[in-house]
Amino acid sequence: MDRLWSPWRAKYTASGVDAQRDRCVFCEIGRDPGHDDENFVLFRGERCFVVLNLFPYITGHLMVIPYDHVGDLASTDKPTTDEMMDLIKRSETALQNAYQPSGFNVGMNLGASAGAGIADHIHAHLLPRWGGDTNFMTTVAETRVLPEDLQTTHQRLRQTF
């Protein structure tokens, strides 16, 4: 059996909940509008906010996150899921205007076994995609090639919201 190790994921999965203090990074960002630039928040709605992923798979990888700490869709009220979808649509437009991608990935990982790094706080991912945007670097060199730093991405997208 071959194994492909991806140790960079350990930092990501460990970043969500501090077991000693049982804190949620999404809740902290949601409660702290005074640090939106440092946290790469792009937009704040009534029930959800849009933020860049600190560990992006690709430039422009963002997330739509409810303020409420809830771990599954079934427990999320309709006004929140409605706003989540509205912000996903708004994010698609913002990314299209800023980067002109040829496609998008939109998804949610619900639960740790489904790949959620922060399993107890639902969130939706939106990633712009281009033909040939990934290559051997991720697979064989454990490296993602991102042509733009988070500060620049934040500035570009913030203008479009």
Foldseek 3Di string as FASTA:
>chain_A
DDDFDQVVCVVLLCPAADVVVRDGPLLVQLVCPVCCLVQLWQADDPFWTKGADPDDLEQLKIKIFGNDQAQDPVPDDPVNVVVQVVVLVLSVVLCCVLPVAPDKDKAWQAAVVSPDSNRRTTMMIIDGHHVPLDDCCCGPVSDRDYPDDSSVSSVSSSVSD
